[in-house]
Amino acid sequence: MPVAAARRLYLRAHAIAMVFTRPRDPEPLPARLHRRRIYVLPTRFGLFYAFALLTMLLGALNYNNNPALLLGLLLGGAGLASLVAAQMQLSDLQLIAADAEPVAAGMPLELRLHARADPGRTRRGLRLDDDGTFDAEPSVLNLDKGVGDAQLLLPTQTRGWFDVPKLRLSTTRPLGLARAWAYVWPETPLLVYPTPEPHGPPLPGGHGESAQARLHPAGDDVHHLRGYRAGDAPRAIAWKSSARRDALIVREFEQPLGSEIVLDWQATAGIPYEGRIARLARWVDEAEREGRRFRLRLPGQAPLGPDRGPLHRHACLRALALMPHV
C-alpha cells in the first residue's frame, strides 16, 4: 500500500476513533481526569516485551525449569504493574485553565494549560499535544509540588474566535511498556487579532486645541542630528555632517501632531473589506506605539475612545477581529 494511501487510511480511522473518546464535546474547565477517560495500551517495546516473556514462559514450561518460570512470572508482574503505574500518572489530574495572549492572524498562538494534582505523587514528563488537527510541536508538562503548566504553539489563519482543539496528555512512564493517555477539550475560545497591513499610508492627522510637537520621520522642521540606526531612510541622512564626522549622521524632524486622532472606517473606503480591517489594525498599532490618543469608529458600533494604552488597544483590535466576515 502506498504511503499516502496508508496515511489517509490512518487519519480516517483516527477521526472515527476520536468520535468515541471522552470528552465528546468541549467542556468547561476545571476538569478532572478520572479513570473512565484514561486509555492504556502497550507500546511497541511493550509488545516486544510481552512476546519475549511469552517465549520465556513456554520454554520454562517445556523444560520444567522452575527458576526460569519464576523469573518469567516476576517479569510479567512487573509489566502488569507498569500498566497501572502509567495510568496513575494521569489519574485525578485536574486541568484548571487554558489561556493565551491574542496574536495577529498568521502568528502562532501560545496556548498555556494549567494543571494541578495531589502533591504526594510524582508526575513528570507528561506529553501534551493536539489531536492531530494542527500537528503542533508537543510540549512537556511537569508538576512541581502538585502545580504545573505547559505551552503549546498552535498556528492561526483567520481573525476572530479561535476554537481550542482536543488536547492529548500522555505518558509512557515508568518503564516505557505502556502508553496512558487522556483527552481534554477546553471550552475556551481564544481571540485572534486581524493581520495589520504591512505597508500603507501614515496615521490620519490629529485635531484638538492642545497640539504638541513630536518626533516624526516625515516632519518639516529639523529637531536635531543623531547617529545612523539600521532602518533609517536614506533621505534623512545629513551627508555634509556625515562627511565632516566620518560617520553617518541622520536628521531627526518634528512636526505638530494633534492631541487626538480619529480612525474612521469611512476613511478606508475604496479598498477591499478585509484590507480596510487590516489598515485600521495597523493604524491602531502605530497610534499606540506613538502614545497618541485615538478614537475608533466602526459601522454599527459605538465609537471606542478617545483613549490610549494597552487596554484601549485591545478593545479596538478586539472590535476589528470580531467584525463580520463577508
C-alpha atoms as a PDB file:
ATOM      1  CA  MET A   1       0.000   0.000   0.000  1.00  0.00           C
ATOM      2  CA  PRO A   2       1.449   3.428  -0.902  1.00  0.00           C
ATOM      3  CA  VAL A   3       2.487   5.641   1.992  1.00  0.00           C
ATOM      4  CA  ALA A   4      -0.026   8.366   1.094  1.00  0.00           C
ATOM      5  CA  ALA A   5      -2.915   5.881   0.996  1.00  0.00           C
ATOM      6  CA  ALA A   6      -1.834   4.370   4.308  1.00  0.00           C
ATOM      7  CA  ARG A   7      -1.668   7.849   5.802  1.00  0.00           C
ATOM      8  CA  ARG A   8      -5.197   8.655   4.601  1.00  0.00           C
ATOM      9  CA  LEU A   9      -6.475   5.361   5.999  1.00  0.00           C
ATOM     10  CA  TYR A  10      -4.840   6.079   9.338  1.00  0.00           C
ATOM     11  CA  LEU A  11      -6.315   9.582   9.517  1.00  0.00           C
ATOM     12  CA  ARG A  12      -9.776   8.254   8.671  1.00  0.00           C
ATOM     13  CA  ALA A  13      -9.551   5.588  11.364  1.00  0.00           C
ATOM     14  CA  HIS A  14      -8.219   8.148  13.828  1.00  0.00           C
ATOM     15  CA  ALA A  15     -11.108  10.517  13.100  1.00  0.00           C
ATOM     16  CA  ILE A  16     -13.630   7.705  13.688  1.00  0.00           C
ATOM     17  CA  ALA A  17     -11.951   6.727  16.954  1.00  0.00           C
ATOM     18  CA  MET A  18     -11.941  10.336  18.173  1.00  0.00           C
ATOM     19  CA  VAL A  19     -15.747  10.411  17.944  1.00  0.00           C
ATOM     20  CA  PHE A  20     -15.984   7.806  20.719  1.00  0.00           C
ATOM     21  CA  THR A  21     -13.302   9.176  23.029  1.00  0.00           C
ATOM     22  CA  ARG A  22     -14.129  11.226  26.099  1.00  0.00           C
ATOM     23  CA  PRO A  23     -14.869  14.104  26.196  1.00  0.00           C
ATOM     24  CA  ARG A  24     -17.090  14.100  23.129  1.00  0.00           C
ATOM     25  CA  ASP A  25     -17.789  17.836  23.325  1.00  0.00           C
ATOM     26  CA  PRO A  26     -15.893  20.894  24.564  1.00  0.00           C
ATOM     27  CA  GLU A  27     -16.012  21.071  28.354  1.00  0.00           C
ATOM     28  CA  PRO A  28     -15.681  23.938  30.832  1.00  0.00           C
ATOM     29  CA  LEU A  29     -12.575  23.986  32.981  1.00  0.00           C
ATOM     30  CA  PRO A  30     -11.553  22.886  35.579  1.00  0.00           C
ATOM     31  CA  ALA A  31     -11.853  19.248  34.518  1.00  0.00           C
ATOM     32  CA  ARG A  32     -10.632  16.123  36.316  1.00  0.00           C
ATOM     33  CA  LEU A  33      -9.122  13.113  34.552  1.00  0.00           C
ATOM     34  CA  HIS A  34     -10.899  10.153  36.140  1.00  0.00           C
ATOM     35  CA  ARG A  35     -10.293   6.502  35.285  1.00  0.00           C
ATOM     36  CA  ARG A  36     -13.102   6.307  32.704  1.00  0.00           C
ATOM     37  CA  ARG A  37     -11.410   8.819  30.422  1.00  0.00           C
ATOM     38  CA  ILE A  38      -7.873   7.415  30.647  1.00  0.00           C
ATOM     39  CA  TYR A  39      -6.825   4.920  27.959  1.00  0.00           C
ATOM     40  CA  VAL A  40      -3.906   2.484  28.279  1.00  0.00           C
ATOM     41  CA  LEU A  41      -2.306   0.350  25.562  1.00  0.00           C
ATOM     42  CA  PRO A  42       1.121  -1.316  25.251  1.00  0.00           C
ATOM     43  CA  THR A  43       3.825   0.465  23.290  1.00  0.00           C
ATOM     44  CA  ARG A  44       5.859  -1.229  20.547  1.00  0.00           C
ATOM     45  CA  PHE A  45       8.502  -2.023  23.125  1.00  0.00           C
ATOM     46  CA  GLY A  46       5.766  -3.354  25.400  1.00  0.00           C
ATOM     47  CA  LEU A  47       4.533  -5.714  22.667  1.00  0.00           C
ATOM     48  CA  PHE A  48       8.088  -6.959  22.111  1.00  0.00           C
ATOM     49  CA  TYR A  49       8.474  -7.385  25.869  1.00  0.00           C
ATOM     50  CA  ALA A  50       5.254  -9.437  26.029  1.00  0.00           C
ATOM     51  CA  PHE A  51       6.371 -11.636  23.098  1.00  0.00           C
ATOM     52  CA  ALA A  52       9.794 -12.260  24.669  1.00  0.00           C
ATOM     53  CA  LEU A  53       8.173 -13.014  28.035  1.00  0.00           C
ATOM     54  CA  LEU A  54       5.733 -15.467  26.464  1.00  0.00           C
ATOM     55  CA  THR A  55       8.618 -17.241  24.719  1.00  0.00           C
ATOM     56  CA  MET A  56      10.479 -17.460  28.045  1.00  0.00           C
ATOM     57  CA  LEU A  57       7.462 -18.921  29.834  1.00  0.00           C
ATOM     58  CA  LEU A  58       6.841 -21.520  27.104  1.00  0.00           C
ATOM     59  CA  GLY A  59      10.485 -22.575  27.227  1.00  0.00           C
ATOM     60  CA  ALA A  60      10.396 -22.815  31.022  1.00  0.00           C
ATOM     61  CA  LEU A  61       7.270 -24.964  30.922  1.00  0.00           C
ATOM     62  CA  ASN A  62       8.657 -27.166  28.161  1.00  0.00           C
ATOM     63  CA  TYR A  63      11.902 -27.883  30.067  1.00  0.00           C
ATOM     64  CA  ASN A  64      10.257 -27.846  33.507  1.00  0.00           C
ATOM     65  CA  ASN A  65      12.686 -25.111  34.599  1.00  0.00           C
ATOM     66  CA  ASN A  66      11.246 -23.682  37.795  1.00  0.00           C
ATOM     67  CA  PRO A  67      13.748 -20.796  38.237  1.00  0.00           C
ATOM     68  CA  ALA A  68      13.080 -19.614  34.673  1.00  0.00           C
ATOM     69  CA  LEU A  69       9.329 -19.929  35.270  1.00  0.00           C
ATOM     70  CA  LEU A  70       9.621 -17.883  38.448  1.00  0.00           C
ATOM     71  CA  LEU A  71      11.660 -15.229  36.637  1.00  0.00           C
ATOM     72  CA  GLY A  72       9.072 -15.056  33.857  1.00  0.00           C
ATOM     73  CA  LEU A  73       6.242 -14.616  36.333  1.00  0.00           C
ATOM     74  CA  LEU A  74       8.141 -11.840  38.118  1.00  0.00           C
ATOM     75  CA  LEU A  75       8.769 -10.034  34.836  1.00  0.00           C
ATOM     76  CA  GLY A  76       5.134 -10.486  33.897  1.00  0.00           C
ATOM     77  CA  GLY A  77       4.046  -8.972  37.203  1.00  0.00           C
ATOM     78  CA  ALA A  78       6.390  -6.017  36.618  1.00  0.00           C
ATOM     79  CA  GLY A  79       4.837  -5.489  33.191  1.00  0.00           C
ATOM     80  CA  LEU A  80       1.294  -5.505  34.605  1.00  0.00           C
ATOM     81  CA  ALA A  81       2.353  -3.137  37.369  1.00  0.00           C
ATOM     82  CA  SER A  82       3.726  -0.725  34.743  1.00  0.00           C
ATOM     83  CA  LEU A  83       0.242  -0.556  33.152  1.00  0.00           C
ATOM     84  CA  VAL A  84      -1.237   0.549  36.462  1.00  0.00           C
ATOM     85  CA  ALA A  85       1.629   2.966  37.164  1.00  0.00           C
ATOM     86  CA  ALA A  86       1.207   4.628  33.755  1.00  0.00           C
ATOM     87  CA  GLN A  87      -2.491   5.124  34.381  1.00  0.00           C
ATOM     88  CA  MET A  88      -1.822   6.540  37.855  1.00  0.00           C
ATOM     89  CA  GLN A  89       0.358   9.248  36.295  1.00  0.00           C
ATOM     90  CA  LEU A  90      -2.805  10.788  34.815  1.00  0.00           C
ATOM     91  CA  SER A  91      -5.433   9.677  37.314  1.00  0.00           C
ATOM     92  CA  ASP A  92      -7.022  12.552  39.299  1.00  0.00           C
ATOM     93  CA  LEU A  93      -5.052  15.165  37.381  1.00  0.00           C
ATOM     94  CA  GLN A  94      -7.010  18.431  37.230  1.00  0.00           C
ATOM     95  CA  LEU A  95      -6.816  20.794  34.250  1.00  0.00           C
ATOM     96  CA  ILE A  96      -7.521  24.166  35.829  1.00  0.00           C
ATOM     97  CA  ALA A  97      -7.488  26.675  32.973  1.00  0.00           C
ATOM     98  CA  ALA A  98      -6.338  27.332  29.408  1.00  0.00           C
ATOM     99  CA  ASP A  99      -5.424  30.795  28.168  1.00  0.00           C
ATOM    100  CA  ALA A 100      -3.358  32.633  25.566  1.00  0.00           C
ATOM    101  CA  GLU A 101      -2.410  36.183  24.667  1.00  0.00           C
ATOM    102  CA  PRO A 102      -4.113  37.349  21.456  1.00  0.00           C
ATOM    103  CA  VAL A 103      -1.885  37.409  18.371  1.00  0.00           C
ATOM    104  CA  ALA A 104      -2.305  38.625  14.812  1.00  0.00           C
ATOM    105  CA  ALA A 105      -3.666  36.084  12.327  1.00  0.00           C
ATOM    106  CA  GLY A 106      -0.826  34.081  10.817  1.00  0.00           C
ATOM    107  CA  MET A 107       1.245  34.130  14.007  1.00  0.00           C
ATOM    108  CA  PRO A 108       1.418  31.077  16.305  1.00  0.00           C
ATOM    109  CA  LEU A 109      -0.843  31.243  19.332  1.00  0.00           C
ATOM    110  CA  GLU A 110       0.883  30.185  22.565  1.00  0.00           C
ATOM    111  CA  LEU A 111      -1.718  28.189  24.474  1.00  0.00           C
ATOM    112  CA  ARG A 112      -0.972  27.755  28.191  1.00  0.00           C
ATOM    113  CA  LEU A 113      -2.557  24.823  30.015  1.00  0.00           C
ATOM    114  CA  HIS A 114      -2.510  24.960  33.821  1.00  0.00           C
ATOM    115  CA  ALA A 115      -2.742  21.722  35.800  1.00  0.00           C
ATOM    116  CA  ARG A 116      -2.935  20.683  39.439  1.00  0.00           C
ATOM    117  CA  ALA A 117      -2.793  17.337  41.256  1.00  0.00           C
ATOM    118  CA  ASP A 118      -2.142  15.743  44.615  1.00  0.00           C
ATOM    119  CA  PRO A 119       1.452  16.671  45.548  1.00  0.00           C
ATOM    120  CA  GLY A 120       2.011  13.251  47.111  1.00  0.00           C
ATOM    121  CA  ARG A 121       2.562  11.626  43.702  1.00  0.00           C
ATOM    122  CA  THR A 122       5.398  12.483  41.317  1.00  0.00           C
ATOM    123  CA  ARG A 123       4.113  13.436  37.870  1.00  0.00           C
ATOM    124  CA  ARG A 124       6.814  14.439  35.435  1.00  0.00           C
ATOM    125  CA  GLY A 125       7.388  14.164  31.698  1.00  0.00           C
ATOM    126  CA  LEU A 126       3.718  14.239  30.686  1.00  0.00           C
ATOM    127  CA  ARG A 127       3.485  14.903  26.955  1.00  0.00           C
ATOM    128  CA  LEU A 128       0.971  17.492  25.708  1.00  0.00           C
ATOM    129  CA  ASP A 129      -0.025  17.702  22.042  1.00  0.00           C
ATOM    130  CA  ASP A 130      -3.112  18.282  19.937  1.00  0.00           C
ATOM    131  CA  ASP A 131      -5.343  15.636  18.397  1.00  0.00           C
ATOM    132  CA  GLY A 132      -3.605  15.899  15.022  1.00  0.00           C
ATOM    133  CA  THR A 133      -5.619  18.864  13.720  1.00  0.00           C
ATOM    134  CA  PHE A 134      -2.607  21.181  13.602  1.00  0.00           C
ATOM    135  CA  ASP A 135       0.334  18.760  14.085  1.00  0.00           C
ATOM    136  CA  ALA A 136       1.638  21.141  16.739  1.00  0.00           C
ATOM    137  CA  GLU A 137       5.050  20.566  18.269  1.00  0.00           C
ATOM    138  CA  PRO A 138       4.424  18.688  21.553  1.00  0.00           C
ATOM    139  CA  SER A 139       5.469  20.092  24.905  1.00  0.00           C
ATOM    140  CA  VAL A 140       6.139  18.630  28.345  1.00  0.00           C
ATOM    141  CA  LEU A 141       4.070  19.098  31.492  1.00  0.00           C
ATOM    142  CA  ASN A 142       5.880  18.724  34.817  1.00  0.00           C
ATOM    143  CA  LEU A 143       4.079  19.150  38.128  1.00  0.00           C
ATOM    144  CA  ASP A 144       6.220  20.657  40.869  1.00  0.00           C
ATOM    145  CA  LYS A 145       4.559  20.403  44.306  1.00  0.00           C
ATOM    146  CA  GLY A 146       1.316  19.499  42.606  1.00  0.00           C
ATOM    147  CA  VAL A 147       1.177  22.502  40.238  1.00  0.00           C
ATOM    148  CA  GLY A 148       2.461  22.947  36.687  1.00  0.00           C
ATOM    149  CA  ASP A 149       1.706  24.330  33.271  1.00  0.00           C
ATOM    150  CA  ALA A 150       2.646  23.596  29.656  1.00  0.00           C
ATOM    151  CA  GLN A 151       2.743  25.717  26.496  1.00  0.00           C
ATOM    152  CA  LEU A 152       1.584  24.582  23.075  1.00  0.00           C
ATOM    153  CA  LEU A 153       2.069  26.637  19.896  1.00  0.00           C
ATOM    154  CA  LEU A 154      -0.974  26.462  17.615  1.00  0.00           C
ATOM    155  CA  PRO A 155      -0.987  28.022  14.127  1.00  0.00           C
ATOM    156  CA  THR A 156      -3.631  30.636  13.295  1.00  0.00           C
ATOM    157  CA  GLN A 157      -5.041  31.596   9.915  1.00  0.00           C
ATOM    158  CA  THR A 158      -8.031  33.919  10.269  1.00  0.00           C
ATOM    159  CA  ARG A 159      -9.114  36.676  12.641  1.00  0.00           C
ATOM    160  CA  GLY A 160     -11.851  36.177  15.201  1.00  0.00           C
ATOM    161  CA  TRP A 161     -12.506  33.464  17.741  1.00  0.00           C
ATOM    162  CA  PHE A 162     -10.111  30.520  17.751  1.00  0.00           C
ATOM    163  CA  ASP A 163     -11.576  27.229  18.978  1.00  0.00           C
ATOM    164  CA  VAL A 164      -9.096  25.205  21.021  1.00  0.00           C
ATOM    165  CA  PRO A 165      -8.751  21.687  19.569  1.00  0.00           C
ATOM    166  CA  LYS A 166      -8.955  18.499  21.582  1.00  0.00           C
ATOM    167  CA  LEU A 167      -5.682  18.180  23.514  1.00  0.00           C
ATOM    168  CA  ARG A 168      -3.969  14.941  24.500  1.00  0.00           C
ATOM    169  CA  LEU A 169      -1.951  14.258  27.654  1.00  0.00           C
ATOM    170  CA  SER A 170       0.092  11.058  27.540  1.00  0.00           C
ATOM    171  CA  THR A 171       2.928   9.265  29.296  1.00  0.00           C
ATOM    172  CA  THR A 172       4.990   6.085  28.914  1.00  0.00           C
ATOM    173  CA  ARG A 173       6.452   6.193  32.398  1.00  0.00           C
ATOM    174  CA  PRO A 174       7.745   4.393  34.360  1.00  0.00           C
ATOM    175  CA  LEU A 175       9.069   1.539  32.169  1.00  0.00           C
ATOM    176  CA  GLY A 176       8.007   2.506  28.659  1.00  0.00           C
ATOM    177  CA  LEU A 177       5.975  -0.694  28.294  1.00  0.00           C
ATOM    178  CA  ALA A 178       2.581   1.025  28.151  1.00  0.00           C
ATOM    179  CA  ARG A 179       1.224   4.357  26.990  1.00  0.00           C
ATOM    180  CA  ALA A 180      -1.523   6.016  29.009  1.00  0.00           C
ATOM    181  CA  TRP A 181      -3.343   8.985  27.551  1.00  0.00           C
ATOM    182  CA  ALA A 182      -6.381  11.148  28.113  1.00  0.00           C
ATOM    183  CA  TYR A 183      -8.051  13.992  26.228  1.00  0.00           C
ATOM    184  CA  VAL A 184      -9.102  17.428  27.376  1.00  0.00           C
ATOM    185  CA  TRP A 185     -11.181  19.746  25.217  1.00  0.00           C
ATOM    186  CA  PRO A 186     -11.325  23.202  26.820  1.00  0.00           C
ATOM    187  CA  GLU A 187     -14.438  25.255  26.114  1.00  0.00           C
ATOM    188  CA  THR A 188     -12.251  28.356  25.973  1.00  0.00           C
ATOM    189  CA  PRO A 189     -12.435  30.312  22.713  1.00  0.00           C
ATOM    190  CA  LEU A 190      -9.348  32.477  22.217  1.00  0.00           C
ATOM    191  CA  LEU A 191      -9.110  35.710  20.249  1.00  0.00           C
ATOM    192  CA  VAL A 192      -7.008  36.225  17.125  1.00  0.00           C
ATOM    193  CA  TYR A 193      -6.413  39.813  16.007  1.00  0.00           C
ATOM    194  CA  PRO A 194      -6.546  40.806  12.320  1.00  0.00           C
ATOM    195  CA  THR A 195      -3.229  40.905  10.478  1.00  0.00           C
ATOM    196  CA  PRO A 196      -2.056  44.532  10.227  1.00  0.00           C
ATOM    197  CA  GLU A 197      -1.450  45.949   6.754  1.00  0.00           C
ATOM    198  CA  PRO A 198       2.313  45.613   6.115  1.00  0.00           C
ATOM    199  CA  HIS A 199       2.601  48.913   4.222  1.00  0.00           C
ATOM    200  CA  GLY A 200       0.205  51.791   3.896  1.00  0.00           C
ATOM    201  CA  PRO A 201      -0.458  55.487   4.413  1.00  0.00           C
ATOM    202  CA  PRO A 202       0.562  57.219   7.662  1.00  0.00           C
ATOM    203  CA  LEU A 203      -1.806  57.921  10.505  1.00  0.00           C
ATOM    204  CA  PRO A 204      -4.547  60.469   9.850  1.00  0.00           C
ATOM    205  CA  GLY A 205      -3.817  63.967  11.138  1.00  0.00           C
ATOM    206  CA  GLY A 206      -4.846  64.769  14.674  1.00  0.00           C
ATOM    207  CA  HIS A 207      -7.065  67.552  15.871  1.00  0.00           C
ATOM    208  CA  GLY A 208      -7.675  69.361  19.106  1.00  0.00           C
ATOM    209  CA  GLU A 209      -6.657  72.538  20.842  1.00  0.00           C
ATOM    210  CA  SER A 210      -3.567  71.174  22.598  1.00  0.00           C
ATOM    211  CA  ALA A 211      -1.438  70.222  19.610  1.00  0.00           C
ATOM    212  CA  GLN A 212       2.076  69.190  20.533  1.00  0.00           C
ATOM    213  CA  ALA A 213       5.317  68.617  18.671  1.00  0.00           C
ATOM    214  CA  ARG A 214       6.587  65.069  18.464  1.00  0.00           C
ATOM    215  CA  LEU A 215       9.468  63.477  16.644  1.00  0.00           C
ATOM    216  CA  HIS A 216       8.310  62.170  13.321  1.00  0.00           C
ATOM    217  CA  PRO A 217      10.371  60.995  10.330  1.00  0.00           C
ATOM    218  CA  ALA A 218       8.116  62.856   7.902  1.00  0.00           C
ATOM    219  CA  GLY A 219       8.125  66.196   9.728  1.00  0.00           C
ATOM    220  CA  ASP A 220       9.044  69.597   8.415  1.00  0.00           C
ATOM    221  CA  ASP A 221      11.463  71.166  10.925  1.00  0.00           C
ATOM    222  CA  VAL A 222      14.854  69.734  11.825  1.00  0.00           C
ATOM    223  CA  HIS A 223      14.904  68.878  15.513  1.00  0.00           C
ATOM    224  CA  HIS A 224      18.447  67.547  15.977  1.00  0.00           C
ATOM    225  CA  LEU A 225      21.140  65.323  14.488  1.00  0.00           C
ATOM    226  CA  ARG A 226      21.876  61.825  15.706  1.00  0.00           C
ATOM    227  CA  GLY A 227      23.838  58.756  14.702  1.00  0.00           C
ATOM    228  CA  TYR A 228      22.563  56.456  11.987  1.00  0.00           C
ATOM    229  CA  ARG A 229      20.452  53.460  13.043  1.00  0.00           C
ATOM    230  CA  ALA A 230      19.539  50.474  10.894  1.00  0.00           C
ATOM    231  CA  GLY A 231      16.294  51.178   9.073  1.00  0.00           C
ATOM    232  CA  ASP A 232      16.691  54.947   8.793  1.00  0.00           C
ATOM    233  CA  ALA A 233      15.569  56.367   5.446  1.00  0.00           C
ATOM    234  CA  PRO A 234      18.462  57.411   3.141  1.00  0.00           C
ATOM    235  CA  ARG A 235      16.810  60.807   2.533  1.00  0.00           C
ATOM    236  CA  ALA A 236      17.166  61.603   6.264  1.00  0.00           C
ATOM    237  CA  ILE A 237      20.983  61.259   6.183  1.00  0.00           C
ATOM    238  CA  ALA A 238      22.861  64.558   6.584  1.00  0.00           C
ATOM    239  CA  TRP A 239      25.622  63.899   4.068  1.00  0.00           C
ATOM    240  CA  LYS A 240      27.677  67.049   4.750  1.00  0.00           C
ATOM    241  CA  SER A 241      27.705  66.469   8.504  1.00  0.00           C
ATOM    242  CA  SER A 242      28.464  62.799   7.914  1.00  0.00           C
ATOM    243  CA  ALA A 243      31.479  63.720   5.762  1.00  0.00           C
ATOM    244  CA  ARG A 244      32.846  66.078   8.425  1.00  0.00           C
ATOM    245  CA  ARG A 245      32.486  63.490  11.227  1.00  0.00           C
ATOM    246  CA  ASP A 246      33.438  60.457   9.135  1.00  0.00           C
ATOM    247  CA  ALA A 247      30.250  58.678  10.303  1.00  0.00           C
ATOM    248  CA  LEU A 248      26.664  58.584   9.121  1.00  0.00           C
ATOM    249  CA  ILE A 249      24.559  61.315  10.753  1.00  0.00           C
ATOM    250  CA  VAL A 250      20.760  61.421  10.447  1.00  0.00           C
ATOM    251  CA  ARG A 251      18.462  64.440  10.656  1.00  0.00           C
ATOM    252  CA  GLU A 252      15.507  63.921  13.004  1.00  0.00           C
ATOM    253  CA  PHE A 253      12.478  66.083  12.313  1.00  0.00           C
ATOM    254  CA  GLU A 254       9.483  67.199  14.273  1.00  0.00           C
ATOM    255  CA  GLN A 255       6.018  68.179  13.238  1.00  0.00           C
ATOM    256  CA  PRO A 256       2.974  69.266  15.217  1.00  0.00           C
ATOM    257  CA  LEU A 257       0.684  66.339  15.967  1.00  0.00           C
ATOM    258  CA  GLY A 258      -2.869  66.786  17.164  1.00  0.00           C
ATOM    259  CA  SER A 259      -3.804  65.648  20.645  1.00  0.00           C
ATOM    260  CA  GLU A 260      -6.399  63.214  19.292  1.00  0.00           C
ATOM    261  CA  ILE A 261      -6.805  61.284  16.058  1.00  0.00           C
ATOM    262  CA  VAL A 262      -9.846  59.532  14.659  1.00  0.00           C
ATOM    263  CA  LEU A 263      -9.519  56.165  12.936  1.00  0.00           C
ATOM    264  CA  ASP A 264     -12.696  56.066  10.892  1.00  0.00           C
ATOM    265  CA  TRP A 265     -13.991  53.138   8.848  1.00  0.00           C
ATOM    266  CA  GLN A 266     -15.161  55.602   6.210  1.00  0.00           C
ATOM    267  CA  ALA A 267     -11.594  56.874   5.753  1.00  0.00           C
ATOM    268  CA  THR A 268     -10.617  53.483   4.272  1.00  0.00           C
ATOM    269  CA  ALA A 269     -13.236  53.462   1.517  1.00  0.00           C
ATOM    270  CA  GLY A 270     -12.115  52.175  -1.857  1.00  0.00           C
ATOM    271  CA  ILE A 271     -10.135  49.098  -0.705  1.00  0.00           C
ATOM    272  CA  PRO A 272     -11.397  45.528  -0.095  1.00  0.00           C
ATOM    273  CA  TYR A 273     -13.280  44.713   3.103  1.00  0.00           C
ATOM    274  CA  GLU A 274     -10.509  42.729   4.797  1.00  0.00           C
ATOM    275  CA  GLY A 275      -7.990  45.313   3.616  1.00  0.00           C
ATOM    276  CA  ARG A 276      -9.909  48.026   5.472  1.00  0.00           C
ATOM    277  CA  ILE A 277      -9.746  45.987   8.664  1.00  0.00           C
ATOM    278  CA  ALA A 278      -6.020  45.374   8.150  1.00  0.00           C
ATOM    279  CA  ARG A 279      -5.356  49.101   7.635  1.00  0.00           C
ATOM    280  CA  LEU A 280      -7.254  50.097  10.757  1.00  0.00           C
ATOM    281  CA  ALA A 281      -5.388  47.434  12.735  1.00  0.00           C
ATOM    282  CA  ARG A 282      -2.101  48.902  11.508  1.00  0.00           C
ATOM    283  CA  TRP A 283      -3.190  52.408  12.472  1.00  0.00           C
ATOM    284  CA  VAL A 284      -4.208  51.206  15.939  1.00  0.00           C
ATOM    285  CA  ASP A 285      -0.744  49.693  16.484  1.00  0.00           C
ATOM    286  CA  GLU A 286       1.001  52.823  15.180  1.00  0.00           C
ATOM    287  CA  ALA A 287      -1.071  55.149  17.354  1.00  0.00           C
ATOM    288  CA  GLU A 288      -0.298  53.037  20.407  1.00  0.00           C
ATOM    289  CA  ARG A 289       3.434  52.967  19.628  1.00  0.00           C
ATOM    290  CA  GLU A 290       3.462  56.768  19.334  1.00  0.00           C
ATOM    291  CA  GLY A 291       1.481  57.223  22.547  1.00  0.00           C
ATOM    292  CA  ARG A 292      -1.369  59.017  20.740  1.00  0.00           C
ATOM    293  CA  ARG A 293      -4.930  59.304  21.997  1.00  0.00           C
ATOM    294  CA  PHE A 294      -7.227  57.904  19.341  1.00  0.00           C
ATOM    295  CA  ARG A 295     -10.834  57.075  18.653  1.00  0.00           C
ATOM    296  CA  LEU A 296     -12.003  54.120  16.534  1.00  0.00           C
ATOM    297  CA  ARG A 297     -15.230  54.365  14.572  1.00  0.00           C
ATOM    298  CA  LEU A 298     -16.714  51.204  13.080  1.00  0.00           C
ATOM    299  CA  PRO A 299     -20.071  50.753  11.337  1.00  0.00           C
ATOM    300  CA  GLY A 300     -22.901  49.669  13.603  1.00  0.00           C
ATOM    301  CA  GLN A 301     -20.882  50.172  16.794  1.00  0.00           C
ATOM    302  CA  ALA A 302     -20.422  52.926  19.326  1.00  0.00           C
ATOM    303  CA  PRO A 303     -17.099  54.777  18.952  1.00  0.00           C
ATOM    304  CA  LEU A 304     -14.245  53.473  21.094  1.00  0.00           C
ATOM    305  CA  GLY A 305     -12.261  56.172  22.858  1.00  0.00           C
ATOM    306  CA  PRO A 306     -10.660  58.598  22.696  1.00  0.00           C
ATOM    307  CA  ASP A 307      -8.084  56.892  24.894  1.00  0.00           C
ATOM    308  CA  ARG A 308      -4.689  55.235  24.765  1.00  0.00           C
ATOM    309  CA  GLY A 309      -2.845  52.393  26.441  1.00  0.00           C
ATOM    310  CA  PRO A 310      -2.832  48.573  26.197  1.00  0.00           C
ATOM    311  CA  LEU A 311      -6.459  48.171  27.310  1.00  0.00           C
ATOM    312  CA  HIS A 312      -7.720  50.616  24.686  1.00  0.00           C
ATOM    313  CA  ARG A 313      -5.587  48.937  22.015  1.00  0.00           C
ATOM    314  CA  HIS A 314      -7.013  45.539  22.974  1.00  0.00           C
ATOM    315  CA  ALA A 315     -10.580  46.857  22.868  1.00  0.00           C
ATOM    316  CA  CYS A 316     -10.040  48.306  19.375  1.00  0.00           C
ATOM    317  CA  LEU A 317      -8.305  45.225  17.970  1.00  0.00           C
ATOM    318  CA  ARG A 318     -10.969  43.017  19.518  1.00  0.00           C
ATOM    319  CA  ALA A 319     -13.688  45.043  17.787  1.00  0.00           C
ATOM    320  CA  LEU A 320     -11.820  44.712  14.468  1.00  0.00           C
ATOM    321  CA  ALA A 321     -11.268  40.980  14.977  1.00  0.00           C
ATOM    322  CA  LEU A 322     -14.975  40.402  15.572  1.00  0.00           C
ATOM    323  CA  MET A 323     -16.137  42.347  12.528  1.00  0.00           C
ATOM    324  CA  PRO A 324     -18.497  40.173  10.421  1.00  0.00           C
ATOM    325  CA  HIS A 325     -16.900  38.014   7.734  1.00  0.00           C
ATOM    326  CA  VAL A 326     -18.188  38.731   4.242  1.00  0.00           C
END
